Amino acid sequence: MIANNAMNNQHEYNTGRPELILKEYGRNIQKLVNYVRDIKEDEKRKEYSYTLVELMKLINPALKDGNEFNQKLWDDLFIISGFDLEVDGPYPKPPPEVLTRKPNKLEYNNHKLKYKHYGRNIELLIQQAVEIKDEQKQKDAIIYLGRLMRSFYGIWNKEAVDEEVILNHIIELSNGKLSIDLKIVKEQNLFEPTYKERPRRSGGNNIKRRGGKRRKSNN
């Protein structure tokens, strides 16, 4: 399978691996950034860049949301790429001098991943979603996970994947504790990648049309 070729290096030990640039994000994020950096299509590269930033945000739960925090995430994305990532993001590319800051320490473990292309962080997020008591919030978490996992699957396998495959992986990784109606997922495109926002209906603009006067042409 194509995924095997993309993940061959996962079997190497640290002595044969390139040094982590920002250890707080881990090796999977660095490999994803390197892949996204080399994508030729501008729009696709932009889409995956936004998806990566969303995952990086979840990996740093201790940091508060806000403009400054979001800019830090984009700065880190450019740093991990060696400042070679060309993408039209919301903030300018930082200068190389930002590398003088010390990264946080990353705690490693010997946990064996079931699906290496998702990485340990996705498994941790699934565990957190299992603990959510509110039914609607848990559903939102499943949808968000589905979007991230579908994006990651596409990055590593270089091919589209059906929603059913992603949902089955969520069910498996949560030991059957997380699920969602597959029919609804497909009908509403709930697992579309995070960057691709579905167009909203302009209901607010159309409500007053009925019975109202037509706008006159310029006098």
N, C-alpha and C. Protein backbone atom coordinates (compact mmCIF):
# COMPACT_ATOMS: atom_id res chain seq x y z
N MET A 1 0.85 -1.19 0.00
CA MET A 1 0.00 0.00 0.00
C MET A 1 0.88 1.24 0.00
N ILE A 2 0.37 2.35 -0.55
CA ILE A 2 1.16 3.57 -0.66
C ILE A 2 1.57 4.07 0.71
N ALA A 3 0.72 3.85 1.72
CA ALA A 3 1.03 4.35 3.05
C ALA A 3 2.31 3.75 3.59
N ASN A 4 2.60 2.49 3.21
CA ASN A 4 3.81 1.84 3.69
C ASN A 4 5.05 2.56 3.20
N ASN A 5 5.03 3.02 1.93
CA ASN A 5 6.17 3.74 1.40
C ASN A 5 6.36 5.07 2.11
N ALA A 6 5.25 5.72 2.44
CA ALA A 6 5.35 7.03 3.08
C ALA A 6 5.85 6.93 4.50
N MET A 7 5.65 5.78 5.14
CA MET A 7 5.97 5.66 6.55
C MET A 7 7.15 4.74 6.84
N ASN A 8 7.94 4.38 5.83
CA ASN A 8 9.05 3.47 6.04
C ASN A 8 10.02 3.97 7.10
N ASN A 9 10.25 5.27 7.11
CA ASN A 9 11.21 5.83 8.04
C ASN A 9 10.76 5.75 9.49
N GLN A 10 9.51 5.41 9.73
CA GLN A 10 9.02 5.31 11.09
C GLN A 10 9.72 4.20 11.86
N HIS A 11 10.31 3.23 11.16
CA HIS A 11 10.95 2.11 11.83
C HIS A 11 12.39 2.42 12.22
N GLU A 12 12.89 3.59 11.83
CA GLU A 12 14.24 3.96 12.18
C GLU A 12 14.28 4.44 13.62
N TYR A 13 15.44 4.31 14.26
CA TYR A 13 15.62 4.84 15.60
C TYR A 13 16.22 6.23 15.50
N ASN A 14 16.32 6.91 16.65
CA ASN A 14 16.72 8.31 16.65
C ASN A 14 18.07 8.54 16.01
N THR A 15 18.97 7.55 16.06
CA THR A 15 20.31 7.73 15.49
C THR A 15 20.26 7.93 13.99
N GLY A 16 19.24 7.39 13.33
CA GLY A 16 19.14 7.51 11.88
C GLY A 16 18.15 8.56 11.43
N ARG A 17 17.59 9.29 12.37
CA ARG A 17 16.57 10.28 12.03
C ARG A 17 17.14 11.69 12.07
N PRO A 18 16.59 12.59 11.28
CA PRO A 18 17.03 13.98 11.37
C PRO A 18 16.61 14.58 12.71
N GLU A 19 17.37 15.56 13.17
CA GLU A 19 17.10 16.18 14.46
C GLU A 19 15.76 16.93 14.42
N LEU A 20 15.01 16.81 15.52
CA LEU A 20 13.75 17.53 15.62
C LEU A 20 14.02 19.02 15.77
N ILE A 21 13.33 19.82 14.99
CA ILE A 21 13.53 21.27 15.04
C ILE A 21 12.81 21.87 16.23
N LEU A 22 11.54 21.53 16.42
CA LEU A 22 10.78 21.95 17.60
C LEU A 22 10.22 20.69 18.25
N LYS A 23 10.86 20.25 19.32
CA LYS A 23 10.54 18.95 19.91
C LYS A 23 9.13 18.88 20.49
N GLU A 24 8.56 20.05 20.84
CA GLU A 24 7.23 20.00 21.46
C GLU A 24 6.15 19.49 20.52
N TYR A 25 6.44 19.48 19.22
CA TYR A 25 5.44 19.02 18.26
C TYR A 25 5.66 17.57 17.82
N GLY A 26 6.83 17.04 18.06
CA GLY A 26 7.07 15.65 17.72
C GLY A 26 7.47 15.42 16.28
N ARG A 27 7.87 14.19 16.01
CA ARG A 27 8.42 13.84 14.70
C ARG A 27 7.34 13.74 13.61
N ASN A 28 6.14 13.31 13.97
CA ASN A 28 5.09 13.19 12.96
C ASN A 28 4.74 14.54 12.35
N ILE A 29 4.63 15.56 13.20
CA ILE A 29 4.34 16.91 12.69
C ILE A 29 5.46 17.37 11.77
N GLN A 30 6.71 17.11 12.16
CA GLN A 30 7.83 17.55 11.32
C GLN A 30 7.80 16.86 9.96
N LYS A 31 7.46 15.58 9.93
CA LYS A 31 7.37 14.87 8.66
C LYS A 31 6.22 15.40 7.81
N LEU A 32 5.12 15.72 8.45
CA LEU A 32 3.99 16.29 7.71
C LEU A 32 4.33 17.66 7.13
N VAL A 33 5.03 18.48 7.92
CA VAL A 33 5.43 19.80 7.44
C VAL A 33 6.35 19.67 6.24
N ASN A 34 7.29 18.74 6.31
CA ASN A 34 8.22 18.53 5.20
C ASN A 34 7.48 18.10 3.94
N TYR A 35 6.45 17.28 4.12
CA TYR A 35 5.66 16.84 2.97
C TYR A 35 4.89 18.01 2.37
N VAL A 36 4.21 18.76 3.25
CA VAL A 36 3.41 19.90 2.78
C VAL A 36 4.28 20.94 2.09
N ARG A 37 5.47 21.16 2.61
CA ARG A 37 6.39 22.14 2.03
C ARG A 37 6.69 21.83 0.57
N ASP A 38 6.70 20.55 0.22
CA ASP A 38 7.09 20.14 -1.13
C ASP A 38 5.91 20.00 -2.09
N ILE A 39 4.69 20.27 -1.62
CA ILE A 39 3.52 20.19 -2.51
C ILE A 39 3.61 21.30 -3.56
N LYS A 40 3.38 20.95 -4.80
CA LYS A 40 3.53 21.90 -5.90
C LYS A 40 2.33 22.84 -6.03
N GLU A 41 1.12 22.30 -5.83
CA GLU A 41 -0.09 23.10 -6.02
C GLU A 41 -0.27 24.08 -4.86
N ASP A 42 -0.38 25.36 -5.16
CA ASP A 42 -0.47 26.40 -4.13
C ASP A 42 -1.67 26.22 -3.22
N GLU A 43 -2.84 25.95 -3.81
CA GLU A 43 -4.07 25.85 -3.02
C GLU A 43 -4.05 24.62 -2.12
N LYS A 44 -3.53 23.51 -2.63
CA LYS A 44 -3.44 22.30 -1.82
C LYS A 44 -2.44 22.49 -0.69
N ARG A 45 -1.32 23.15 -0.98
CA ARG A 45 -0.31 23.42 0.05
C ARG A 45 -0.89 24.32 1.14
N LYS A 46 -1.69 25.28 0.73
CA LYS A 46 -2.34 26.18 1.69
C LYS A 46 -3.34 25.41 2.55
N GLU A 47 -4.12 24.56 1.92
CA GLU A 47 -5.13 23.77 2.64
C GLU A 47 -4.49 22.93 3.73
N TYR A 48 -3.43 22.20 3.37
CA TYR A 48 -2.77 21.34 4.35
C TYR A 48 -2.04 22.14 5.42
N SER A 49 -1.56 23.33 5.08
CA SER A 49 -0.89 24.18 6.07
C SER A 49 -1.88 24.59 7.16
N TYR A 50 -3.08 24.99 6.76
CA TYR A 50 -4.09 25.37 7.74
C TYR A 50 -4.48 24.17 8.61
N THR A 51 -4.56 22.99 8.00
CA THR A 51 -4.89 21.79 8.76
C THR A 51 -3.82 21.48 9.79
N LEU A 52 -2.55 21.63 9.40
CA LEU A 52 -1.45 21.39 10.33
C LEU A 52 -1.49 22.35 11.51
N VAL A 53 -1.79 23.60 11.25
CA VAL A 53 -1.87 24.58 12.33
C VAL A 53 -2.98 24.22 13.31
N GLU A 54 -4.09 23.69 12.80
CA GLU A 54 -5.18 23.27 13.67
C GLU A 54 -4.72 22.15 14.60
N LEU A 55 -3.96 21.20 14.07
CA LEU A 55 -3.46 20.11 14.91
C LEU A 55 -2.45 20.63 15.92
N MET A 56 -1.56 21.51 15.49
CA MET A 56 -0.57 22.10 16.40
C MET A 56 -1.25 22.84 17.54
N LYS A 57 -2.39 23.43 17.26
CA LYS A 57 -3.17 24.12 18.29
C LYS A 57 -3.66 23.14 19.35
N LEU A 58 -4.08 21.96 18.91
CA LEU A 58 -4.57 20.95 19.84
C LEU A 58 -3.44 20.33 20.64
N ILE A 59 -2.24 20.31 20.08
CA ILE A 59 -1.09 19.74 20.77
C ILE A 59 -0.63 20.66 21.89
N ASN A 60 -0.97 21.93 21.84
CA ASN A 60 -0.57 22.91 22.85
C ASN A 60 -1.79 23.41 23.63
N PRO A 61 -2.47 22.54 24.37
CA PRO A 61 -3.70 22.95 25.06
C PRO A 61 -3.46 23.95 26.18
N ALA A 62 -2.23 24.02 26.69
CA ALA A 62 -1.93 24.92 27.80
C ALA A 62 -1.93 26.38 27.35
N LEU A 63 -1.71 26.61 26.06
CA LEU A 63 -1.66 27.97 25.54
C LEU A 63 -3.08 28.47 25.25
N LYS A 64 -3.32 29.73 25.53
CA LYS A 64 -4.64 30.30 25.32
C LYS A 64 -4.82 30.71 23.87
N ASP A 65 -6.08 30.65 23.44
CA ASP A 65 -6.40 31.06 22.08
C ASP A 65 -6.33 32.58 21.98
N GLY A 66 -6.14 33.05 20.77
CA GLY A 66 -6.03 34.49 20.55
C GLY A 66 -5.10 34.77 19.39
N ASN A 67 -5.05 36.03 18.98
CA ASN A 67 -4.26 36.41 17.82
C ASN A 67 -2.78 36.12 18.02
N GLU A 68 -2.26 36.43 19.23
CA GLU A 68 -0.84 36.20 19.51
C GLU A 68 -0.51 34.71 19.47
N PHE A 69 -1.39 33.91 20.04
CA PHE A 69 -1.19 32.46 20.05
C PHE A 69 -1.22 31.90 18.63
N ASN A 70 -2.18 32.34 17.83
CA ASN A 70 -2.28 31.86 16.46
C ASN A 70 -1.05 32.24 15.65
N GLN A 71 -0.52 33.43 15.88
CA GLN A 71 0.68 33.84 15.15
C GLN A 71 1.87 32.98 15.55
N LYS A 72 1.94 32.61 16.84
CA LYS A 72 3.03 31.73 17.29
C LYS A 72 2.97 30.39 16.57
N LEU A 73 1.76 29.86 16.40
CA LEU A 73 1.61 28.58 15.71
C LEU A 73 2.10 28.67 14.27
N TRP A 74 1.75 29.75 13.59
CA TRP A 74 2.21 29.92 12.21
C TRP A 74 3.72 30.14 12.16
N ASP A 75 4.26 30.87 13.15
CA ASP A 75 5.72 31.03 13.24
C ASP A 75 6.39 29.67 13.38
N ASP A 76 5.83 28.82 14.26
CA ASP A 76 6.40 27.49 14.47
C ASP A 76 6.32 26.65 13.21
N LEU A 77 5.24 26.78 12.47
CA LEU A 77 5.10 26.04 11.22
C LEU A 77 6.21 26.42 10.24
N PHE A 78 6.48 27.71 10.12
CA PHE A 78 7.56 28.16 9.23
C PHE A 78 8.92 27.71 9.74
N ILE A 79 9.11 27.72 11.07
CA ILE A 79 10.38 27.29 11.65
C ILE A 79 10.63 25.82 11.34
N ILE A 80 9.62 24.98 11.55
CA ILE A 80 9.77 23.55 11.30
C ILE A 80 10.10 23.29 9.83
N SER A 81 9.57 24.12 8.95
CA SER A 81 9.82 23.94 7.51
C SER A 81 11.19 24.46 7.09
N GLY A 82 11.95 24.99 8.04
CA GLY A 82 13.24 25.57 7.69
C GLY A 82 13.08 26.89 6.96
N PHE A 83 11.93 27.54 7.16
CA PHE A 83 11.59 28.82 6.52
C PHE A 83 11.45 28.67 5.00
N ASP A 84 11.24 27.44 4.55
CA ASP A 84 11.11 27.18 3.11
C ASP A 84 9.66 27.01 2.67
N LEU A 85 8.72 27.01 3.61
CA LEU A 85 7.31 26.84 3.26
C LEU A 85 6.78 28.11 2.63
N GLU A 86 6.25 27.98 1.42
CA GLU A 86 5.65 29.11 0.72
C GLU A 86 4.14 28.97 0.77
N VAL A 87 3.51 29.79 1.61
CA VAL A 87 2.06 29.70 1.76
C VAL A 87 1.52 31.08 2.13
N ASP A 88 0.35 31.37 1.63
CA ASP A 88 -0.30 32.65 1.92
C ASP A 88 -1.09 32.50 3.21
N GLY A 89 -0.39 32.63 4.34
CA GLY A 89 -1.01 32.49 5.64
C GLY A 89 -1.50 33.82 6.17
N PRO A 90 -2.08 33.82 7.37
CA PRO A 90 -2.62 35.05 7.95
C PRO A 90 -1.56 35.98 8.53
N TYR A 91 -0.32 35.48 8.65
CA TYR A 91 0.75 36.28 9.23
C TYR A 91 2.00 36.19 8.35
N PRO A 92 2.86 37.20 8.39
CA PRO A 92 4.09 37.15 7.59
C PRO A 92 5.06 36.09 8.12
N LYS A 93 5.92 35.62 7.26
CA LYS A 93 6.93 34.64 7.67
C LYS A 93 7.89 35.28 8.67
N PRO A 94 8.18 34.61 9.79
CA PRO A 94 9.06 35.20 10.80
C PRO A 94 10.52 35.20 10.35
N PRO A 95 11.35 36.06 10.93
CA PRO A 95 12.78 36.05 10.61
C PRO A 95 13.46 34.85 11.26
N PRO A 96 14.57 34.37 10.70
CA PRO A 96 15.27 33.20 11.26
C PRO A 96 15.73 33.40 12.70
N GLU A 97 15.81 34.65 13.17
CA GLU A 97 16.29 34.91 14.52
C GLU A 97 15.38 34.32 15.59
N VAL A 98 14.15 33.99 15.23
CA VAL A 98 13.24 33.44 16.24
C VAL A 98 13.71 32.07 16.72
N LEU A 99 14.64 31.46 16.03
CA LEU A 99 15.15 30.15 16.43
C LEU A 99 15.96 30.21 17.71
N THR A 100 16.26 31.39 18.19
CA THR A 100 17.03 31.50 19.43
C THR A 100 16.22 31.09 20.65
N ARG A 101 14.89 31.01 20.51
CA ARG A 101 14.08 30.61 21.66
C ARG A 101 14.22 29.12 21.91
N LYS A 102 14.13 28.71 23.18
CA LYS A 102 14.27 27.31 23.55
C LYS A 102 12.92 26.60 23.45
N PRO A 103 12.88 25.45 22.79
CA PRO A 103 11.62 24.70 22.71
C PRO A 103 11.33 23.96 24.00
N ASN A 104 10.06 23.64 24.21
CA ASN A 104 9.69 22.84 25.37
C ASN A 104 10.15 21.41 25.19
N LYS A 105 10.38 20.74 26.31
CA LYS A 105 10.81 19.35 26.25
C LYS A 105 9.64 18.46 25.87
N LEU A 106 9.91 17.45 25.07
CA LEU A 106 8.88 16.51 24.64
C LEU A 106 9.09 15.19 25.36
N GLU A 107 8.05 14.70 25.99
CA GLU A 107 8.14 13.42 26.67
C GLU A 107 7.87 12.30 25.69
N TYR A 108 8.86 11.42 25.53
CA TYR A 108 8.73 10.31 24.60
C TYR A 108 8.23 9.07 25.35
N ASN A 109 7.59 8.18 24.61
CA ASN A 109 7.17 6.92 25.19
C ASN A 109 7.29 5.83 24.14
N ASN A 110 7.14 4.62 24.58
CA ASN A 110 7.29 3.47 23.69
C ASN A 110 5.94 2.95 23.20
N HIS A 111 4.93 3.78 23.25
CA HIS A 111 3.59 3.38 22.83
C HIS A 111 3.60 3.00 21.34
N LYS A 112 3.05 1.84 21.04
CA LYS A 112 2.98 1.37 19.66
C LYS A 112 1.71 1.90 19.00
N LEU A 113 1.89 2.60 17.89
CA LEU A 113 0.75 3.21 17.20
C LEU A 113 0.04 2.18 16.33
N LYS A 114 -1.28 2.23 16.32
CA LYS A 114 -2.04 1.35 15.44
C LYS A 114 -2.01 1.85 14.00
N TYR A 115 -2.09 3.16 13.85
CA TYR A 115 -2.03 3.78 12.52
C TYR A 115 -0.99 4.90 12.58
N LYS A 116 0.19 4.62 12.07
CA LYS A 116 1.31 5.55 12.24
C LYS A 116 1.10 6.86 11.51
N HIS A 117 0.28 6.86 10.44
CA HIS A 117 0.10 8.10 9.71
C HIS A 117 -0.74 9.11 10.49
N TYR A 118 -1.45 8.66 11.53
CA TYR A 118 -2.19 9.60 12.37
C TYR A 118 -1.31 10.18 13.47
N GLY A 119 -0.40 9.36 13.97
CA GLY A 119 0.48 9.84 15.03
C GLY A 119 -0.12 9.68 16.42
N ARG A 120 0.74 9.82 17.41
CA ARG A 120 0.33 9.66 18.81
C ARG A 120 -0.66 10.75 19.23
N ASN A 121 -0.51 11.95 18.70
CA ASN A 121 -1.36 13.06 19.14
C ASN A 121 -2.83 12.82 18.83
N ILE A 122 -3.12 12.22 17.67
CA ILE A 122 -4.51 11.91 17.33
C ILE A 122 -5.09 10.91 18.32
N GLU A 123 -4.30 9.91 18.69
CA GLU A 123 -4.78 8.92 19.65
C GLU A 123 -5.07 9.58 21.00
N LEU A 124 -4.23 10.53 21.40
CA LEU A 124 -4.47 11.24 22.65
C LEU A 124 -5.75 12.07 22.57
N LEU A 125 -5.98 12.70 21.43
CA LEU A 125 -7.20 13.49 21.25
C LEU A 125 -8.44 12.61 21.29
N ILE A 126 -8.33 11.41 20.73
CA ILE A 126 -9.45 10.47 20.78
C ILE A 126 -9.75 10.07 22.22
N GLN A 127 -8.69 9.83 23.00
CA GLN A 127 -8.88 9.50 24.41
C GLN A 127 -9.57 10.64 25.15
N GLN A 128 -9.20 11.87 24.83
CA GLN A 128 -9.84 13.03 25.46
C GLN A 128 -11.31 13.13 25.06
N ALA A 129 -11.60 12.83 23.80
CA ALA A 129 -12.98 12.89 23.31
C ALA A 129 -13.85 11.86 24.02
N VAL A 130 -13.28 10.70 24.33
CA VAL A 130 -14.03 9.66 25.03
C VAL A 130 -14.49 10.16 26.40
N GLU A 131 -13.69 11.02 27.03
CA GLU A 131 -14.00 11.51 28.37
C GLU A 131 -15.04 12.63 28.39
N ILE A 132 -15.38 13.17 27.23
CA ILE A 132 -16.36 14.26 27.17
C ILE A 132 -17.75 13.74 27.53
N LYS A 133 -18.38 14.37 28.50
CA LYS A 133 -19.70 13.92 28.98
C LYS A 133 -20.85 14.49 28.15
N ASP A 134 -20.70 15.74 27.74
CA ASP A 134 -21.76 16.39 26.96
C ASP A 134 -21.87 15.74 25.59
N GLU A 135 -23.06 15.27 25.25
CA GLU A 135 -23.27 14.52 24.00
C GLU A 135 -22.96 15.35 22.76
N GLN A 136 -23.43 16.60 22.73
CA GLN A 136 -23.20 17.46 21.57
C GLN A 136 -21.72 17.81 21.42
N LYS A 137 -21.06 18.11 22.55
CA LYS A 137 -19.64 18.44 22.50
C LYS A 137 -18.81 17.24 22.04
N GLN A 138 -19.22 16.06 22.46
CA GLN A 138 -18.51 14.86 22.02
C GLN A 138 -18.71 14.64 20.52
N LYS A 139 -19.92 14.90 20.04
CA LYS A 139 -20.20 14.79 18.60
C LYS A 139 -19.33 15.77 17.81
N ASP A 140 -19.22 17.01 18.32
CA ASP A 140 -18.37 18.01 17.66
C ASP A 140 -16.92 17.55 17.63
N ALA A 141 -16.48 16.91 18.72
CA ALA A 141 -15.10 16.42 18.79
C ALA A 141 -14.87 15.32 17.76
N ILE A 142 -15.84 14.43 17.59
CA ILE A 142 -15.73 13.36 16.60
C ILE A 142 -15.63 13.94 15.20
N ILE A 143 -16.45 14.94 14.91
CA ILE A 143 -16.41 15.58 13.59
C ILE A 143 -15.05 16.21 13.35
N TYR A 144 -14.54 16.89 14.36
CA TYR A 144 -13.24 17.55 14.23
C TYR A 144 -12.13 16.53 14.02
N LEU A 145 -12.18 15.44 14.77
CA LEU A 145 -11.20 14.37 14.60
C LEU A 145 -11.29 13.77 13.20
N GLY A 146 -12.51 13.57 12.73
CA GLY A 146 -12.70 13.01 11.40
C GLY A 146 -12.07 13.87 10.32
N ARG A 147 -12.19 15.19 10.47
CA ARG A 147 -11.60 16.11 9.49
C ARG A 147 -10.08 16.04 9.51
N LEU A 148 -9.52 16.05 10.72
CA LEU A 148 -8.06 15.97 10.83
C LEU A 148 -7.53 14.65 10.28
N MET A 149 -8.17 13.56 10.67
CA MET A 149 -7.70 12.23 10.26
C MET A 149 -7.83 12.04 8.76
N ARG A 150 -8.88 12.58 8.18
CA ARG A 150 -9.05 12.47 6.72
C ARG A 150 -7.96 13.25 5.99
N SER A 151 -7.60 14.41 6.54
CA SER A 151 -6.53 15.20 5.94
C SER A 151 -5.20 14.46 6.04
N PHE A 152 -4.92 13.89 7.22
CA PHE A 152 -3.66 13.18 7.42
C PHE A 152 -3.59 11.95 6.52
N TYR A 153 -4.70 11.23 6.42
CA TYR A 153 -4.72 10.05 5.56
C TYR A 153 -4.39 10.44 4.13
N GLY A 154 -4.98 11.54 3.68
CA GLY A 154 -4.72 12.00 2.32
C GLY A 154 -3.28 12.42 2.11
N ILE A 155 -2.68 13.05 3.13
CA ILE A 155 -1.29 13.48 3.02
C ILE A 155 -0.36 12.29 2.87
N TRP A 156 -0.52 11.30 3.74
CA TRP A 156 0.40 10.16 3.73
C TRP A 156 0.15 9.22 2.56
N ASN A 157 -1.09 8.95 2.26
CA ASN A 157 -1.41 7.98 1.22
C ASN A 157 -1.51 8.59 -0.17
N LYS A 158 -1.57 9.93 -0.22
CA LYS A 158 -1.66 10.64 -1.50
C LYS A 158 -2.87 10.19 -2.31
N GLU A 159 -3.96 9.92 -1.60
CA GLU A 159 -5.19 9.51 -2.27
C GLU A 159 -6.38 9.84 -1.38
N ALA A 160 -7.54 9.98 -1.98
CA ALA A 160 -8.75 10.27 -1.21
C ALA A 160 -9.18 9.05 -0.42
N VAL A 161 -9.91 9.28 0.64
CA VAL A 161 -10.37 8.18 1.48
C VAL A 161 -11.84 8.40 1.82
N ASP A 162 -12.61 7.32 1.84
CA ASP A 162 -14.03 7.40 2.13
C ASP A 162 -14.27 7.67 3.61
N GLU A 163 -15.37 8.37 3.91
CA GLU A 163 -15.69 8.70 5.29
C GLU A 163 -15.83 7.45 6.16
N GLU A 164 -16.31 6.36 5.56
CA GLU A 164 -16.51 5.13 6.33
C GLU A 164 -15.20 4.60 6.89
N VAL A 165 -14.12 4.71 6.12
CA VAL A 165 -12.81 4.25 6.58
C VAL A 165 -12.38 5.05 7.81
N ILE A 166 -12.52 6.38 7.72
CA ILE A 166 -12.13 7.24 8.83
C ILE A 166 -12.97 6.96 10.07
N LEU A 167 -14.28 6.80 9.88
CA LEU A 167 -15.16 6.52 11.01
C LEU A 167 -14.80 5.19 11.66
N ASN A 168 -14.50 4.19 10.86
CA ASN A 168 -14.10 2.89 11.41
C ASN A 168 -12.82 3.01 12.23
N HIS A 169 -11.89 3.86 11.77
CA HIS A 169 -10.65 4.06 12.53
C HIS A 169 -10.94 4.76 13.86
N ILE A 170 -11.86 5.72 13.86
CA ILE A 170 -12.23 6.40 15.10
C ILE A 170 -12.85 5.41 16.08
N ILE A 171 -13.74 4.56 15.58
CA ILE A 171 -14.38 3.55 16.43
C ILE A 171 -13.34 2.60 17.00
N GLU A 172 -12.40 2.18 16.15
CA GLU A 172 -11.38 1.23 16.59
C GLU A 172 -10.44 1.85 17.62
N LEU A 173 -9.96 3.06 17.34
CA LEU A 173 -9.01 3.70 18.24
C LEU A 173 -9.64 4.11 19.57
N SER A 174 -10.96 4.26 19.59
CA SER A 174 -11.66 4.60 20.83
C SER A 174 -12.22 3.36 21.52
N ASN A 175 -11.89 2.19 21.00
CA ASN A 175 -12.40 0.92 21.54
C ASN A 175 -13.93 0.89 21.54
N GLY A 176 -14.51 1.45 20.48
CA GLY A 176 -15.96 1.41 20.33
C GLY A 176 -16.72 2.45 21.13
N LYS A 177 -16.00 3.38 21.77
CA LYS A 177 -16.66 4.37 22.63
C LYS A 177 -17.07 5.63 21.89
N LEU A 178 -16.55 5.82 20.68
CA LEU A 178 -16.91 6.99 19.88
C LEU A 178 -17.51 6.53 18.56
N SER A 179 -18.62 7.14 18.18
CA SER A 179 -19.24 6.82 16.90
C SER A 179 -20.18 7.95 16.50
N ILE A 180 -20.57 7.93 15.24
CA ILE A 180 -21.48 8.93 14.70
C ILE A 180 -22.18 8.31 13.50
N ASP A 181 -23.37 8.77 13.19
CA ASP A 181 -24.15 8.22 12.09
C ASP A 181 -23.44 8.48 10.76
N LEU A 182 -23.02 7.41 10.10
CA LEU A 182 -22.27 7.53 8.85
C LEU A 182 -23.10 8.21 7.76
N LYS A 183 -24.40 7.94 7.74
CA LYS A 183 -25.27 8.55 6.73
C LYS A 183 -25.27 10.07 6.85
N ILE A 184 -25.34 10.55 8.09
CA ILE A 184 -25.33 12.00 8.32
C ILE A 184 -23.97 12.59 7.94
N VAL A 185 -22.91 11.88 8.26
CA VAL A 185 -21.57 12.34 7.92
C VAL A 185 -21.44 12.55 6.42
N LYS A 186 -21.95 11.60 5.64
CA LYS A 186 -21.84 11.69 4.18
C LYS A 186 -22.76 12.76 3.61
N GLU A 187 -23.98 12.83 4.13
CA GLU A 187 -24.95 13.80 3.60
C GLU A 187 -24.51 15.23 3.85
N GLN A 188 -23.88 15.48 5.00
CA GLN A 188 -23.50 16.85 5.37
C GLN A 188 -22.01 17.13 5.19
N ASN A 189 -21.29 16.15 4.62
CA ASN A 189 -19.84 16.32 4.40
C ASN A 189 -19.12 16.73 5.67
N LEU A 190 -19.44 16.08 6.78
CA LEU A 190 -18.91 16.49 8.08
C LEU A 190 -17.42 16.23 8.23
N PHE A 191 -16.88 15.30 7.43
CA PHE A 191 -15.46 14.98 7.54
C PHE A 191 -14.62 15.69 6.48
N GLU A 192 -15.17 16.73 5.86
CA GLU A 192 -14.37 17.51 4.93
C GLU A 192 -13.21 18.14 5.68
N PRO A 193 -12.01 18.22 5.08
CA PRO A 193 -10.85 18.82 5.76
C PRO A 193 -11.17 20.19 6.33
N THR A 194 -10.50 20.53 7.43
CA THR A 194 -10.84 21.73 8.21
C THR A 194 -10.72 23.01 7.41
N TYR A 195 -9.83 23.07 6.45
CA TYR A 195 -9.64 24.33 5.72
C TYR A 195 -10.78 24.58 4.74
N LYS A 196 -11.37 23.50 4.23
CA LYS A 196 -12.44 23.64 3.22
C LYS A 196 -13.76 23.93 3.91
N GLU A 197 -14.08 25.16 4.08
CA GLU A 197 -15.35 25.53 4.69
C GLU A 197 -16.46 25.45 3.66
N ARG A 198 -17.56 24.82 4.02
CA ARG A 198 -18.69 24.74 3.11
C ARG A 198 -19.37 26.09 3.03
N PRO A 199 -19.83 26.52 1.85
CA PRO A 199 -20.49 27.83 1.73
C PRO A 199 -21.77 27.88 2.54
N ARG A 200 -21.95 28.97 3.25
CA ARG A 200 -23.16 29.12 4.06
C ARG A 200 -24.27 29.74 3.23
N ARG A 201 -25.48 29.34 3.54
CA ARG A 201 -26.62 29.92 2.84
C ARG A 201 -26.83 31.35 3.32
N SER A 202 -27.09 32.20 2.39
CA SER A 202 -27.27 33.60 2.75
C SER A 202 -28.73 33.86 3.11
N GLY A 203 -29.21 33.11 4.11
CA GLY A 203 -30.61 33.21 4.50
C GLY A 203 -30.99 34.58 5.02
N GLY A 204 -30.00 35.22 5.74
CA GLY A 204 -30.29 36.51 6.32
C GLY A 204 -30.56 37.56 5.26
N ASN A 205 -29.95 37.42 4.09
CA ASN A 205 -30.14 38.40 3.03
C ASN A 205 -31.43 38.18 2.25
N ASN A 206 -31.94 36.95 2.29
CA ASN A 206 -33.09 36.63 1.45
C ASN A 206 -34.42 36.73 2.19
N ILE A 207 -34.36 36.80 3.52
CA ILE A 207 -35.60 36.77 4.28
C ILE A 207 -36.51 37.93 3.93
N LYS A 208 -35.92 39.12 3.72
CA LYS A 208 -36.72 40.32 3.50
C LYS A 208 -37.06 40.57 2.04
N ARG A 209 -36.67 39.66 1.17
CA ARG A 209 -36.94 39.86 -0.25
C ARG A 209 -38.42 39.80 -0.55
N ARG A 210 -39.13 38.85 0.11
CA ARG A 210 -40.53 38.63 -0.20
C ARG A 210 -41.37 39.83 0.22
N GLY A 211 -42.11 40.38 -0.75
CA GLY A 211 -42.98 41.50 -0.44
C GLY A 211 -42.28 42.83 -0.42
N GLY A 212 -40.96 42.84 -0.59
CA GLY A 212 -40.22 44.09 -0.56
C GLY A 212 -40.14 44.69 -1.94
N LYS A 213 -39.70 45.93 -1.98
CA LYS A 213 -39.59 46.62 -3.25
C LYS A 213 -38.29 46.25 -3.94
N ARG A 214 -38.36 46.22 -5.26
CA ARG A 214 -37.15 46.01 -6.02
C ARG A 214 -36.27 47.24 -5.94
N ARG A 215 -34.97 46.97 -5.94
CA ARG A 215 -34.06 48.10 -5.90
C ARG A 215 -34.06 48.79 -7.25
N LYS A 216 -34.26 50.11 -7.24
CA LYS A 216 -34.34 50.85 -8.48
C LYS A 216 -32.96 51.01 -9.09
N SER A 217 -32.98 51.14 -10.42
CA SER A 217 -31.73 51.39 -11.11
C SER A 217 -31.29 52.81 -10.86
N ASN A 218 -30.04 53.09 -11.15
CA ASN A 218 -29.49 54.43 -10.92
C ASN A 218 -30.26 55.47 -11.72
N ASN A 219 -30.54 56.59 -11.07
CA ASN A 219 -31.27 57.66 -11.74
C ASN A 219 -30.41 58.36 -12.78
